[in-house]
mmCIF file of all heavy atoms, coordinates in Angstrom:
data_MODEL
# 
_entry.id   MODEL 
# 
loop_
_atom_site.group_PDB 
_atom_site.id 
_atom_site.type_symbol 
_atom_site.label_atom_id 
_atom_site.label_alt_id 
_atom_site.label_comp_id 
_atom_site.label_asym_id 
_atom_site.label_entity_id 
_atom_site.label_seq_id 
_atom_site.pdbx_PDB_ins_code 
_atom_site.Cartn_x 
_atom_site.Cartn_y 
_atom_site.Cartn_z 
_atom_site.occupancy 
_atom_site.B_iso_or_equiv 
_atom_site.pdbx_formal_charge 
_atom_site.auth_seq_id 
_atom_site.auth_comp_id 
_atom_site.auth_asym_id 
_atom_site.auth_atom_id 
_atom_site.pdbx_PDB_model_num 
ATOM 1   N N   . ALA A 1 1  ? 37.262 -6.256  56.879 1.00 0.00 ? 1  ALA A N   1 
ATOM 2   C CA  . ALA A 1 1  ? 37.032 -5.692  55.557 1.00 0.00 ? 1  ALA A CA  1 
ATOM 3   C C   . ALA A 1 1  ? 38.165 -6.172  54.663 1.00 0.00 ? 1  ALA A C   1 
ATOM 4   O O   . ALA A 1 1  ? 39.328 -6.245  55.100 1.00 0.00 ? 1  ALA A O   1 
ATOM 5   C CB  . ALA A 1 1  ? 36.991 -4.164  55.609 1.00 0.00 ? 1  ALA A CB  1 
ATOM 6   N N   . ALA A 1 2  ? 37.843 -6.502  53.423 1.00 0.00 ? 2  ALA A N   1 
ATOM 7   C CA  . ALA A 1 2  ? 38.860 -7.100  52.563 1.00 0.00 ? 2  ALA A CA  1 
ATOM 8   C C   . ALA A 1 2  ? 38.633 -6.737  51.101 1.00 0.00 ? 2  ALA A C   1 
ATOM 9   O O   . ALA A 1 2  ? 37.529 -6.351  50.697 1.00 0.00 ? 2  ALA A O   1 
ATOM 10  C CB  . ALA A 1 2  ? 38.865 -8.619  52.734 1.00 0.00 ? 2  ALA A CB  1 
ATOM 11  N N   . LEU A 1 3  ? 39.698 -6.899  50.336 1.00 0.00 ? 3  LEU A N   1 
ATOM 12  C CA  . LEU A 1 3  ? 39.682 -6.683  48.890 1.00 0.00 ? 3  LEU A CA  1 
ATOM 13  C C   . LEU A 1 3  ? 39.711 -8.042  48.199 1.00 0.00 ? 3  LEU A C   1 
ATOM 14  O O   . LEU A 1 3  ? 40.538 -8.889  48.518 1.00 0.00 ? 3  LEU A O   1 
ATOM 15  C CB  . LEU A 1 3  ? 40.893 -5.852  48.470 1.00 0.00 ? 3  LEU A CB  1 
ATOM 16  C CG  . LEU A 1 3  ? 41.076 -5.600  46.975 1.00 0.00 ? 3  LEU A CG  1 
ATOM 17  C CD1 . LEU A 1 3  ? 40.008 -4.644  46.467 1.00 0.00 ? 3  LEU A CD1 1 
ATOM 18  C CD2 . LEU A 1 3  ? 42.475 -5.027  46.714 1.00 0.00 ? 3  LEU A CD2 1 
ATOM 19  N N   . GLU A 1 4  ? 38.814 -8.241  47.245 1.00 0.00 ? 4  GLU A N   1 
ATOM 20  C CA  . GLU A 1 4  ? 38.787 -9.463  46.447 1.00 0.00 ? 4  GLU A CA  1 
ATOM 21  C C   . GLU A 1 4  ? 39.220 -9.148  45.017 1.00 0.00 ? 4  GLU A C   1 
ATOM 22  O O   . GLU A 1 4  ? 38.859 -8.116  44.465 1.00 0.00 ? 4  GLU A O   1 
ATOM 23  C CB  . GLU A 1 4  ? 37.376 -10.055 46.407 1.00 0.00 ? 4  GLU A CB  1 
ATOM 24  C CG  . GLU A 1 4  ? 36.842 -10.502 47.738 1.00 0.00 ? 4  GLU A CG  1 
ATOM 25  C CD  . GLU A 1 4  ? 35.433 -11.078 47.614 1.00 0.00 ? 4  GLU A CD  1 
ATOM 26  O OE1 . GLU A 1 4  ? 34.871 -11.022 46.495 1.00 0.00 ? 4  GLU A OE1 1 
ATOM 27  O OE2 . GLU A 1 4  ? 34.901 -11.563 48.612 1.00 0.00 ? 4  GLU A OE2 1 
ATOM 28  N N   . VAL A 1 5  ? 39.975 -10.069 44.416 1.00 0.00 ? 5  VAL A N   1 
ATOM 29  C CA  . VAL A 1 5  ? 40.414 -9.921  43.030 1.00 0.00 ? 5  VAL A CA  1 
ATOM 30  C C   . VAL A 1 5  ? 40.043 -11.195 42.270 1.00 0.00 ? 5  VAL A C   1 
ATOM 31  O O   . VAL A 1 5  ? 40.303 -12.310 42.741 1.00 0.00 ? 5  VAL A O   1 
ATOM 32  C CB  . VAL A 1 5  ? 41.938 -9.678  42.945 1.00 0.00 ? 5  VAL A CB  1 
ATOM 33  C CG1 . VAL A 1 5  ? 42.386 -9.621  41.488 1.00 0.00 ? 5  VAL A CG1 1 
ATOM 34  C CG2 . VAL A 1 5  ? 42.307 -8.382  43.666 1.00 0.00 ? 5  VAL A CG2 1 
ATOM 35  N N   . TYR A 1 6  ? 39.443 -11.017 41.086 1.00 0.00 ? 6  TYR A N   1 
ATOM 36  C CA  . TYR A 1 6  ? 38.991 -12.119 40.233 1.00 0.00 ? 6  TYR A CA  1 
ATOM 37  C C   . TYR A 1 6  ? 39.807 -12.101 38.945 1.00 0.00 ? 6  TYR A C   1 
ATOM 38  O O   . TYR A 1 6  ? 39.437 -11.458 37.961 1.00 0.00 ? 6  TYR A O   1 
ATOM 39  C CB  . TYR A 1 6  ? 37.502 -11.958 39.929 1.00 0.00 ? 6  TYR A CB  1 
ATOM 40  C CG  . TYR A 1 6  ? 36.636 -12.103 41.153 1.00 0.00 ? 6  TYR A CG  1 
ATOM 41  C CD1 . TYR A 1 6  ? 36.469 -11.037 42.032 1.00 0.00 ? 6  TYR A CD1 1 
ATOM 42  C CD2 . TYR A 1 6  ? 36.012 -13.304 41.450 1.00 0.00 ? 6  TYR A CD2 1 
ATOM 43  C CE1 . TYR A 1 6  ? 35.695 -11.159 43.167 1.00 0.00 ? 6  TYR A CE1 1 
ATOM 44  C CE2 . TYR A 1 6  ? 35.236 -13.441 42.585 1.00 0.00 ? 6  TYR A CE2 1 
ATOM 45  C CZ  . TYR A 1 6  ? 35.079 -12.364 43.440 1.00 0.00 ? 6  TYR A CZ  1 
ATOM 46  O OH  . TYR A 1 6  ? 34.310 -12.506 44.575 1.00 0.00 ? 6  TYR A OH  1 
ATOM 47  N N   . PRO A 1 7  ? 40.949 -12.792 38.914 1.00 0.00 ? 7  PRO A N   1 
ATOM 48  C CA  . PRO A 1 7  ? 41.878 -12.658 37.787 1.00 0.00 ? 7  PRO A CA  1 
ATOM 49  C C   . PRO A 1 7  ? 41.378 -13.255 36.476 1.00 0.00 ? 7  PRO A C   1 
ATOM 50  O O   . PRO A 1 7  ? 41.863 -12.878 35.408 1.00 0.00 ? 7  PRO A O   1 
ATOM 51  C CB  . PRO A 1 7  ? 43.136 -13.385 38.284 1.00 0.00 ? 7  PRO A CB  1 
ATOM 52  C CG  . PRO A 1 7  ? 42.630 -14.362 39.285 1.00 0.00 ? 7  PRO A CG  1 
ATOM 53  C CD  . PRO A 1 7  ? 41.481 -13.692 39.958 1.00 0.00 ? 7  PRO A CD  1 
ATOM 54  N N   . THR A 1 8  ? 40.430 -14.191 36.535 1.00 0.00 ? 8  THR A N   1 
ATOM 55  C CA  . THR A 1 8  ? 40.011 -14.852 35.297 1.00 0.00 ? 8  THR A CA  1 
ATOM 56  C C   . THR A 1 8  ? 38.881 -14.123 34.578 1.00 0.00 ? 8  THR A C   1 
ATOM 57  O O   . THR A 1 8  ? 38.454 -14.562 33.510 1.00 0.00 ? 8  THR A O   1 
ATOM 58  C CB  . THR A 1 8  ? 39.561 -16.296 35.592 1.00 0.00 ? 8  THR A CB  1 
ATOM 59  O OG1 . THR A 1 8  ? 38.414 -16.264 36.464 1.00 0.00 ? 8  THR A OG1 1 
ATOM 60  C CG2 . THR A 1 8  ? 40.684 -17.088 36.238 1.00 0.00 ? 8  THR A CG2 1 
ATOM 61  N N   . VAL A 1 9  ? 38.398 -13.033 35.172 1.00 0.00 ? 9  VAL A N   1 
ATOM 62  C CA  . VAL A 1 9  ? 37.312 -12.292 34.525 1.00 0.00 ? 9  VAL A CA  1 
ATOM 63  C C   . VAL A 1 9  ? 37.699 -11.886 33.116 1.00 0.00 ? 9  VAL A C   1 
ATOM 64  O O   . VAL A 1 9  ? 36.887 -11.931 32.174 1.00 0.00 ? 9  VAL A O   1 
ATOM 65  C CB  . VAL A 1 9  ? 36.924 -11.059 35.362 1.00 0.00 ? 9  VAL A CB  1 
ATOM 66  C CG1 . VAL A 1 9  ? 36.079 -10.085 34.549 1.00 0.00 ? 9  VAL A CG1 1 
ATOM 67  C CG2 . VAL A 1 9  ? 36.165 -11.487 36.611 1.00 0.00 ? 9  VAL A CG2 1 
ATOM 68  N N   . PHE A 1 10 ? 38.957 -11.491 32.928 1.00 0.00 ? 10 PHE A N   1 
ATOM 69  C CA  . PHE A 1 10 ? 39.397 -11.005 31.628 1.00 0.00 ? 10 PHE A CA  1 
ATOM 70  C C   . PHE A 1 10 ? 39.480 -12.120 30.586 1.00 0.00 ? 10 PHE A C   1 
ATOM 71  O O   . PHE A 1 10 ? 39.611 -11.841 29.395 1.00 0.00 ? 10 PHE A O   1 
ATOM 72  C CB  . PHE A 1 10 ? 40.762 -10.324 31.768 1.00 0.00 ? 10 PHE A CB  1 
ATOM 73  C CG  . PHE A 1 10 ? 40.755 -9.205  32.768 1.00 0.00 ? 10 PHE A CG  1 
ATOM 74  C CD1 . PHE A 1 10 ? 41.302 -9.375  34.039 1.00 0.00 ? 10 PHE A CD1 1 
ATOM 75  C CD2 . PHE A 1 10 ? 40.172 -7.991  32.454 1.00 0.00 ? 10 PHE A CD2 1 
ATOM 76  C CE1 . PHE A 1 10 ? 41.286 -8.348  34.964 1.00 0.00 ? 10 PHE A CE1 1 
ATOM 77  C CE2 . PHE A 1 10 ? 40.153 -6.951  33.380 1.00 0.00 ? 10 PHE A CE2 1 
ATOM 78  C CZ  . PHE A 1 10 ? 40.706 -7.127  34.628 1.00 0.00 ? 10 PHE A CZ  1 
ATOM 79  N N   . LEU A 1 11 ? 39.394 -13.365 31.024 1.00 0.00 ? 11 LEU A N   1 
ATOM 80  C CA  . LEU A 1 11 ? 39.454 -14.490 30.099 1.00 0.00 ? 11 LEU A CA  1 
ATOM 81  C C   . LEU A 1 11 ? 38.069 -15.010 29.755 1.00 0.00 ? 11 LEU A C   1 
ATOM 82  O O   . LEU A 1 11 ? 37.933 -15.901 28.910 1.00 0.00 ? 11 LEU A O   1 
ATOM 83  C CB  . LEU A 1 11 ? 40.292 -15.625 30.703 1.00 0.00 ? 11 LEU A CB  1 
ATOM 84  C CG  . LEU A 1 11 ? 41.714 -15.258 31.131 1.00 0.00 ? 11 LEU A CG  1 
ATOM 85  C CD1 . LEU A 1 11 ? 42.398 -16.471 31.762 1.00 0.00 ? 11 LEU A CD1 1 
ATOM 86  C CD2 . LEU A 1 11 ? 42.518 -14.740 29.953 1.00 0.00 ? 11 LEU A CD2 1 
ATOM 87  N N   . GLU A 1 12 ? 37.052 -14.509 30.412 1.00 0.00 ? 12 GLU A N   1 
ATOM 88  C CA  . GLU A 1 12 ? 35.703 -15.027 30.209 1.00 0.00 ? 12 GLU A CA  1 
ATOM 89  C C   . GLU A 1 12 ? 35.083 -14.511 28.908 1.00 0.00 ? 12 GLU A C   1 
ATOM 90  O O   . GLU A 1 12 ? 35.411 -13.431 28.423 1.00 0.00 ? 12 GLU A O   1 
ATOM 91  C CB  . GLU A 1 12 ? 34.804 -14.638 31.384 1.00 0.00 ? 12 GLU A CB  1 
ATOM 92  C CG  . GLU A 1 12 ? 35.173 -15.304 32.694 1.00 0.00 ? 12 GLU A CG  1 
ATOM 93  C CD  . GLU A 1 12 ? 34.275 -14.848 33.829 1.00 0.00 ? 12 GLU A CD  1 
ATOM 94  O OE1 . GLU A 1 12 ? 33.356 -14.050 33.569 1.00 0.00 ? 12 GLU A OE1 1 
ATOM 95  O OE2 . GLU A 1 12 ? 34.507 -15.290 34.973 1.00 0.00 ? 12 GLU A OE2 1 
ATOM 96  N N   . GLN A 1 13 ? 34.174 -15.283 28.402 1.00 0.00 ? 13 GLN A N   1 
ATOM 97  C CA  . GLN A 1 13 ? 33.322 -14.822 27.318 1.00 0.00 ? 13 GLN A CA  1 
ATOM 98  C C   . GLN A 1 13 ? 32.125 -14.136 27.964 1.00 0.00 ? 13 GLN A C   1 
ATOM 99  O O   . GLN A 1 13 ? 31.407 -14.731 28.750 1.00 0.00 ? 13 GLN A O   1 
ATOM 100 C CB  . GLN A 1 13 ? 32.860 -16.002 26.457 1.00 0.00 ? 13 GLN A CB  1 
ATOM 101 C CG  . GLN A 1 13 ? 34.002 -16.749 25.804 1.00 0.00 ? 13 GLN A CG  1 
ATOM 102 C CD  . GLN A 1 13 ? 34.789 -15.874 24.845 1.00 0.00 ? 13 GLN A CD  1 
ATOM 103 O OE1 . GLN A 1 13 ? 34.187 -15.140 24.058 1.00 0.00 ? 13 GLN A OE1 1 
ATOM 104 N NE2 . GLN A 1 13 ? 36.107 -15.953 24.890 1.00 0.00 ? 13 GLN A NE2 1 
ATOM 105 N N   . TYR A 1 14 ? 31.915 -12.884 27.672 1.00 0.00 ? 14 TYR A N   1 
ATOM 106 C CA  . TYR A 1 14 ? 30.902 -12.102 28.379 1.00 0.00 ? 14 TYR A CA  1 
ATOM 107 C C   . TYR A 1 14 ? 29.500 -12.378 27.848 1.00 0.00 ? 14 TYR A C   1 
ATOM 108 O O   . TYR A 1 14 ? 28.851 -11.553 27.235 1.00 0.00 ? 14 TYR A O   1 
ATOM 109 C CB  . TYR A 1 14 ? 31.234 -10.614 28.277 1.00 0.00 ? 14 TYR A CB  1 
ATOM 110 C CG  . TYR A 1 14 ? 32.507 -10.276 29.002 1.00 0.00 ? 14 TYR A CG  1 
ATOM 111 C CD1 . TYR A 1 14 ? 33.702 -10.139 28.311 1.00 0.00 ? 14 TYR A CD1 1 
ATOM 112 C CD2 . TYR A 1 14 ? 32.518 -10.134 30.385 1.00 0.00 ? 14 TYR A CD2 1 
ATOM 113 C CE1 . TYR A 1 14 ? 34.882 -9.862  28.975 1.00 0.00 ? 14 TYR A CE1 1 
ATOM 114 C CE2 . TYR A 1 14 ? 33.704 -9.847  31.055 1.00 0.00 ? 14 TYR A CE2 1 
ATOM 115 C CZ  . TYR A 1 14 ? 34.878 -9.715  30.341 1.00 0.00 ? 14 TYR A CZ  1 
ATOM 116 O OH  . TYR A 1 14 ? 36.026 -9.436  31.011 1.00 0.00 ? 14 TYR A OH  1 
ATOM 117 N N   . ASP A 1 15 ? 29.052 -13.602 28.094 1.00 0.00 ? 15 ASP A N   1 
ATOM 118 C CA  . ASP A 1 15 ? 27.729 -14.009 27.645 1.00 0.00 ? 15 ASP A CA  1 
ATOM 119 C C   . ASP A 1 15 ? 26.831 -14.382 28.817 1.00 0.00 ? 15 ASP A C   1 
ATOM 120 O O   . ASP A 1 15 ? 25.955 -15.213 28.711 1.00 0.00 ? 15 ASP A O   1 
ATOM 121 C CB  . ASP A 1 15 ? 27.836 -15.183 26.683 1.00 0.00 ? 15 ASP A CB  1 
ATOM 122 C CG  . ASP A 1 15 ? 28.599 -16.363 27.308 1.00 0.00 ? 15 ASP A CG  1 
ATOM 123 O OD1 . ASP A 1 15 ? 29.086 -16.198 28.442 1.00 0.00 ? 15 ASP A OD1 1 
ATOM 124 O OD2 . ASP A 1 15 ? 28.685 -17.413 26.660 1.00 0.00 ? 15 ASP A OD2 1 
ATOM 125 N N   . GLY A 1 16 ? 27.053 -13.756 29.968 1.00 0.00 ? 16 GLY A N   1 
ATOM 126 C CA  . GLY A 1 16 ? 26.257 -14.059 31.151 1.00 0.00 ? 16 GLY A CA  1 
ATOM 127 C C   . GLY A 1 16 ? 27.035 -14.932 32.113 1.00 0.00 ? 16 GLY A C   1 
ATOM 128 O O   . GLY A 1 16 ? 28.007 -15.589 31.750 1.00 0.00 ? 16 GLY A O   1 
ATOM 129 N N   . LEU A 1 17 ? 26.614 -14.965 33.360 1.00 0.00 ? 17 LEU A N   1 
ATOM 130 C CA  . LEU A 1 17 ? 27.361 -15.656 34.407 1.00 0.00 ? 17 LEU A CA  1 
ATOM 131 C C   . LEU A 1 17 ? 26.887 -17.076 34.667 1.00 0.00 ? 17 LEU A C   1 
ATOM 132 O O   . LEU A 1 17 ? 27.538 -17.801 35.408 1.00 0.00 ? 17 LEU A O   1 
ATOM 133 C CB  . LEU A 1 17 ? 27.253 -14.844 35.713 1.00 0.00 ? 17 LEU A CB  1 
ATOM 134 C CG  . LEU A 1 17 ? 27.912 -13.457 35.683 1.00 0.00 ? 17 LEU A CG  1 
ATOM 135 C CD1 . LEU A 1 17 ? 27.649 -12.742 36.999 1.00 0.00 ? 17 LEU A CD1 1 
ATOM 136 C CD2 . LEU A 1 17 ? 29.389 -13.570 35.426 1.00 0.00 ? 17 LEU A CD2 1 
ATOM 137 N N   . GLN A 1 18 ? 25.741 -17.470 34.124 1.00 0.00 ? 18 GLN A N   1 
ATOM 138 C CA  . GLN A 1 18 ? 25.171 -18.773 34.465 1.00 0.00 ? 18 GLN A CA  1 
ATOM 139 C C   . GLN A 1 18 ? 26.132 -19.900 34.119 1.00 0.00 ? 18 GLN A C   1 
ATOM 140 O O   . GLN A 1 18 ? 26.646 -19.987 33.006 1.00 0.00 ? 18 GLN A O   1 
ATOM 141 C CB  . GLN A 1 18 ? 23.849 -18.978 33.729 1.00 0.00 ? 18 GLN A CB  1 
ATOM 142 C CG  . GLN A 1 18 ? 23.148 -20.275 34.157 1.00 0.00 ? 18 GLN A CG  1 
ATOM 143 C CD  . GLN A 1 18 ? 21.752 -20.352 33.585 1.00 0.00 ? 18 GLN A CD  1 
ATOM 144 O OE1 . GLN A 1 18 ? 21.296 -19.416 32.949 1.00 0.00 ? 18 GLN A OE1 1 
ATOM 145 N NE2 . GLN A 1 18 ? 21.082 -21.457 33.816 1.00 0.00 ? 18 GLN A NE2 1 
ATOM 146 N N   . GLY A 1 19 ? 26.361 -20.748 35.115 1.00 0.00 ? 19 GLY A N   1 
ATOM 147 C CA  . GLY A 1 19 ? 27.230 -21.889 34.905 1.00 0.00 ? 19 GLY A CA  1 
ATOM 148 C C   . GLY A 1 19 ? 28.702 -21.559 34.913 1.00 0.00 ? 19 GLY A C   1 
ATOM 149 O O   . GLY A 1 19 ? 29.517 -22.398 34.538 1.00 0.00 ? 19 GLY A O   1 
ATOM 150 N N   . LYS A 1 20 ? 29.093 -20.359 35.326 1.00 0.00 ? 20 LYS A N   1 
ATOM 151 C CA  . LYS A 1 20 ? 30.487 -19.965 35.287 1.00 0.00 ? 20 LYS A CA  1 
ATOM 152 C C   . LYS A 1 20 ? 31.178 -20.214 36.621 1.00 0.00 ? 20 LYS A C   1 
ATOM 153 O O   . LYS A 1 20 ? 30.622 -19.956 37.685 1.00 0.00 ? 20 LYS A O   1 
ATOM 154 C CB  . LYS A 1 20 ? 30.609 -18.485 34.936 1.00 0.00 ? 20 LYS A CB  1 
ATOM 155 C CG  . LYS A 1 20 ? 30.210 -18.154 33.506 1.00 0.00 ? 20 LYS A CG  1 
ATOM 156 C CD  . LYS A 1 20 ? 31.139 -18.823 32.491 1.00 0.00 ? 20 LYS A CD  1 
ATOM 157 C CE  . LYS A 1 20 ? 30.769 -18.489 31.067 1.00 0.00 ? 20 LYS A CE  1 
ATOM 158 N NZ  . LYS A 1 20 ? 30.925 -17.078 30.763 1.00 0.00 ? 20 LYS A NZ  1 
ATOM 159 N N   . LEU A 1 21 ? 32.413 -20.702 36.517 1.00 0.00 ? 21 LEU A N   1 
ATOM 160 C CA  . LEU A 1 21 ? 33.268 -20.866 37.687 1.00 0.00 ? 21 LEU A CA  1 
ATOM 161 C C   . LEU A 1 21 ? 34.205 -19.671 37.748 1.00 0.00 ? 21 LEU A C   1 
ATOM 162 O O   . LEU A 1 21 ? 34.890 -19.365 36.766 1.00 0.00 ? 21 LEU A O   1 
ATOM 163 C CB  . LEU A 1 21 ? 34.065 -22.163 37.572 1.00 0.00 ? 21 LEU A CB  1 
ATOM 164 C CG  . LEU A 1 21 ? 34.958 -22.528 38.757 1.00 0.00 ? 21 LEU A CG  1 
ATOM 165 C CD1 . LEU A 1 21 ? 34.107 -22.865 39.969 1.00 0.00 ? 21 LEU A CD1 1 
ATOM 166 C CD2 . LEU A 1 21 ? 35.858 -23.704 38.392 1.00 0.00 ? 21 LEU A CD2 1 
ATOM 167 N N   . ARG A 1 22 ? 34.244 -19.006 38.896 1.00 0.00 ? 22 ARG A N   1 
ATOM 168 C CA  . ARG A 1 22 ? 35.027 -17.776 39.000 1.00 0.00 ? 22 ARG A CA  1 
ATOM 169 C C   . ARG A 1 22 ? 35.941 -17.844 40.235 1.00 0.00 ? 22 ARG A C   1 
ATOM 170 O O   . ARG A 1 22 ? 35.501 -17.620 41.362 1.00 0.00 ? 22 ARG A O   1 
ATOM 171 C CB  . ARG A 1 22 ? 34.102 -16.578 39.072 1.00 0.00 ? 22 ARG A CB  1 
ATOM 172 C CG  . ARG A 1 22 ? 34.823 -15.246 39.073 1.00 0.00 ? 22 ARG A CG  1 
ATOM 173 C CD  . ARG A 1 22 ? 33.872 -14.084 38.858 1.00 0.00 ? 22 ARG A CD  1 
ATOM 174 N NE  . ARG A 1 22 ? 33.486 -13.965 37.454 1.00 0.00 ? 22 ARG A NE  1 
ATOM 175 C CZ  . ARG A 1 22 ? 32.735 -12.968 36.968 1.00 0.00 ? 22 ARG A CZ  1 
ATOM 176 N NH1 . ARG A 1 22 ? 32.286 -12.024 37.795 1.00 0.00 ? 22 ARG A NH1 1 
ATOM 177 N NH2 . ARG A 1 22 ? 32.435 -12.923 35.695 1.00 0.00 ? 22 ARG A NH2 1 
ATOM 178 N N   . PRO A 1 23 ? 37.234 -18.160 40.093 1.00 0.00 ? 23 PRO A N   1 
ATOM 179 C CA  . PRO A 1 23 ? 38.168 -18.178 41.227 1.00 0.00 ? 23 PRO A CA  1 
ATOM 180 C C   . PRO A 1 23 ? 38.553 -16.765 41.644 1.00 0.00 ? 23 PRO A C   1 
ATOM 181 O O   . PRO A 1 23 ? 38.458 -15.820 40.860 1.00 0.00 ? 23 PRO A O   1 
ATOM 182 C CB  . PRO A 1 23 ? 39.375 -18.941 40.688 1.00 0.00 ? 23 PRO A CB  1 
ATOM 183 C CG  . PRO A 1 23 ? 39.329 -18.714 39.221 1.00 0.00 ? 23 PRO A CG  1 
ATOM 184 C CD  . PRO A 1 23 ? 37.872 -18.600 38.843 1.00 0.00 ? 23 PRO A CD  1 
ATOM 185 N N   . TYR A 1 24 ? 39.035 -16.650 42.890 1.00 0.00 ? 24 TYR A N   1 
ATOM 186 C CA  . TYR A 1 24 ? 39.417 -15.342 43.399 1.00 0.00 ? 24 TYR A CA  1 
ATOM 187 C C   . TYR A 1 24 ? 40.434 -15.487 44.526 1.00 0.00 ? 24 TYR A C   1 
ATOM 188 O O   . TYR A 1 24 ? 40.625 -16.577 45.090 1.00 0.00 ? 24 TYR A O   1 
ATOM 189 C CB  . TYR A 1 24 ? 38.187 -14.578 43.910 1.00 0.00 ? 24 TYR A CB  1 
ATOM 190 C CG  . TYR A 1 24 ? 37.476 -15.239 45.066 1.00 0.00 ? 24 TYR A CG  1 
ATOM 191 C CD1 . TYR A 1 24 ? 37.829 -14.976 46.399 1.00 0.00 ? 24 TYR A CD1 1 
ATOM 192 C CD2 . TYR A 1 24 ? 36.448 -16.135 44.844 1.00 0.00 ? 24 TYR A CD2 1 
ATOM 193 C CE1 . TYR A 1 24 ? 37.181 -15.589 47.450 1.00 0.00 ? 24 TYR A CE1 1 
ATOM 194 C CE2 . TYR A 1 24 ? 35.794 -16.747 45.884 1.00 0.00 ? 24 TYR A CE2 1 
ATOM 195 C CZ  . TYR A 1 24 ? 36.159 -16.472 47.195 1.00 0.00 ? 24 TYR A CZ  1 
ATOM 196 O OH  . TYR A 1 24 ? 35.506 -17.102 48.240 1.00 0.00 ? 24 TYR A OH  1 
ATOM 197 N N   . ALA A 1 25 ? 41.072 -14.376 44.847 1.00 0.00 ? 25 ALA A N   1 
ATOM 198 C CA  . ALA A 1 25 ? 41.948 -14.268 46.013 1.00 0.00 ? 25 ALA A CA  1 
ATOM 199 C C   . ALA A 1 25 ? 41.506 -13.053 46.822 1.00 0.00 ? 25 ALA A C   1 
ATOM 200 O O   . ALA A 1 25 ? 40.931 -12.108 46.278 1.00 0.00 ? 25 ALA A O   1 
ATOM 201 C CB  . ALA A 1 25 ? 43.405 -14.113 45.586 1.00 0.00 ? 25 ALA A CB  1 
ATOM 202 N N   . MET A 1 26 ? 41.759 -13.103 48.122 1.00 0.00 ? 26 MET A N   1 
ATOM 203 C CA  . MET A 1 26 ? 41.272 -12.045 49.004 1.00 0.00 ? 26 MET A CA  1 
ATOM 204 C C   . MET A 1 26 ? 42.292 -11.755 50.100 1.00 0.00 ? 26 MET A C   1 
ATOM 205 O O   . MET A 1 26 ? 42.990 -12.658 50.572 1.00 0.00 ? 26 MET A O   1 
ATOM 206 C CB  . MET A 1 26 ? 39.947 -12.481 49.645 1.00 0.00 ? 26 MET A CB  1 
ATOM 207 C CG  . MET A 1 26 ? 39.271 -11.420 50.494 1.00 0.00 ? 26 MET A CG  1 
ATOM 208 S SD  . MET A 1 26 ? 38.275 -12.154 51.833 1.00 0.00 ? 26 MET A SD  1 
ATOM 209 C CE  . MET A 1 26 ? 39.551 -12.583 53.023 1.00 0.00 ? 26 MET A CE  1 
ATOM 210 N N   . MET A 1 27 ? 42.387 -10.482 50.513 1.00 0.00 ? 27 MET A N   1 
ATOM 211 C CA  . MET A 1 27 ? 43.217 -10.091 51.649 1.00 0.00 ? 27 MET A CA  1 
ATOM 212 C C   . MET A 1 27 ? 42.595 -8.861  52.292 1.00 0.00 ? 27 MET A C   1 
ATOM 213 O O   . MET A 1 27 ? 42.009 -8.017  51.599 1.00 0.00 ? 27 MET A O   1 
ATOM 214 C CB  . MET A 1 27 ? 44.650 -9.800  51.228 1.00 0.00 ? 27 MET A CB  1 
ATOM 215 C CG  . MET A 1 27 ? 45.558 -9.380  52.383 1.00 0.00 ? 27 MET A CG  1 
ATOM 216 S SD  . MET A 1 27 ? 47.294 -9.169  51.891 1.00 0.00 ? 27 MET A SD  1 
ATOM 217 C CE  . MET A 1 27 ? 47.757 -10.882 51.633 1.00 0.00 ? 27 MET A CE  1 
ATOM 218 N N   . GLY A 1 28 ? 42.707 -8.783  53.628 1.00 0.00 ? 28 GLY A N   1 
ATOM 219 C CA  . GLY A 1 28 ? 42.106 -7.638  54.300 1.00 0.00 ? 28 GLY A CA  1 
ATOM 220 C C   . GLY A 1 28 ? 42.674 -7.424  55.686 1.00 0.00 ? 28 GLY A C   1 
ATOM 221 O O   . GLY A 1 28 ? 43.738 -7.946  56.045 1.00 0.00 ? 28 GLY A O   1 
ATOM 222 N N   . LEU A 1 29 ? 41.954 -6.670  56.463 1.00 0.00 ? 29 LEU A N   1 
ATOM 223 C CA  . LEU A 1 29 ? 42.334 -6.356  57.843 1.00 0.00 ? 29 LEU A CA  1 
ATOM 224 C C   . LEU A 1 29 ? 41.079 -6.453  58.700 1.00 0.00 ? 29 LEU A C   1 
ATOM 225 O O   . LEU A 1 29 ? 40.005 -5.991  58.292 1.00 0.00 ? 29 LEU A O   1 
ATOM 226 C CB  . LEU A 1 29 ? 42.932 -4.958  57.937 1.00 0.00 ? 29 LEU A CB  1 
ATOM 227 C CG  . LEU A 1 29 ? 43.457 -4.530  59.312 1.00 0.00 ? 29 LEU A CG  1 
ATOM 228 C CD1 . LEU A 1 29 ? 44.651 -5.388  59.719 1.00 0.00 ? 29 LEU A CD1 1 
ATOM 229 C CD2 . LEU A 1 29 ? 43.845 -3.050  59.299 1.00 0.00 ? 29 LEU A CD2 1 
ATOM 230 N N   . GLY A 1 30 ? 41.225 -7.041  59.877 1.00 0.00 ? 30 GLY A N   1 
ATOM 231 C CA  . GLY A 1 30 ? 40.062 -7.215  60.735 1.00 0.00 ? 30 GLY A CA  1 
ATOM 232 C C   . GLY A 1 30 ? 40.400 -7.145  62.202 1.00 0.00 ? 30 GLY A C   1 
ATOM 233 O O   . GLY A 1 30 ? 41.541 -6.916  62.595 1.00 0.00 ? 30 GLY A O   1 
# 
């Protein structure tokens, strides 16, 4: 199980997700 964070969401123009590149980082325990 892990937590994902999408830091660039706050920089996006909120006009839909189509064609969007969304980087992320993740960390968890298993």
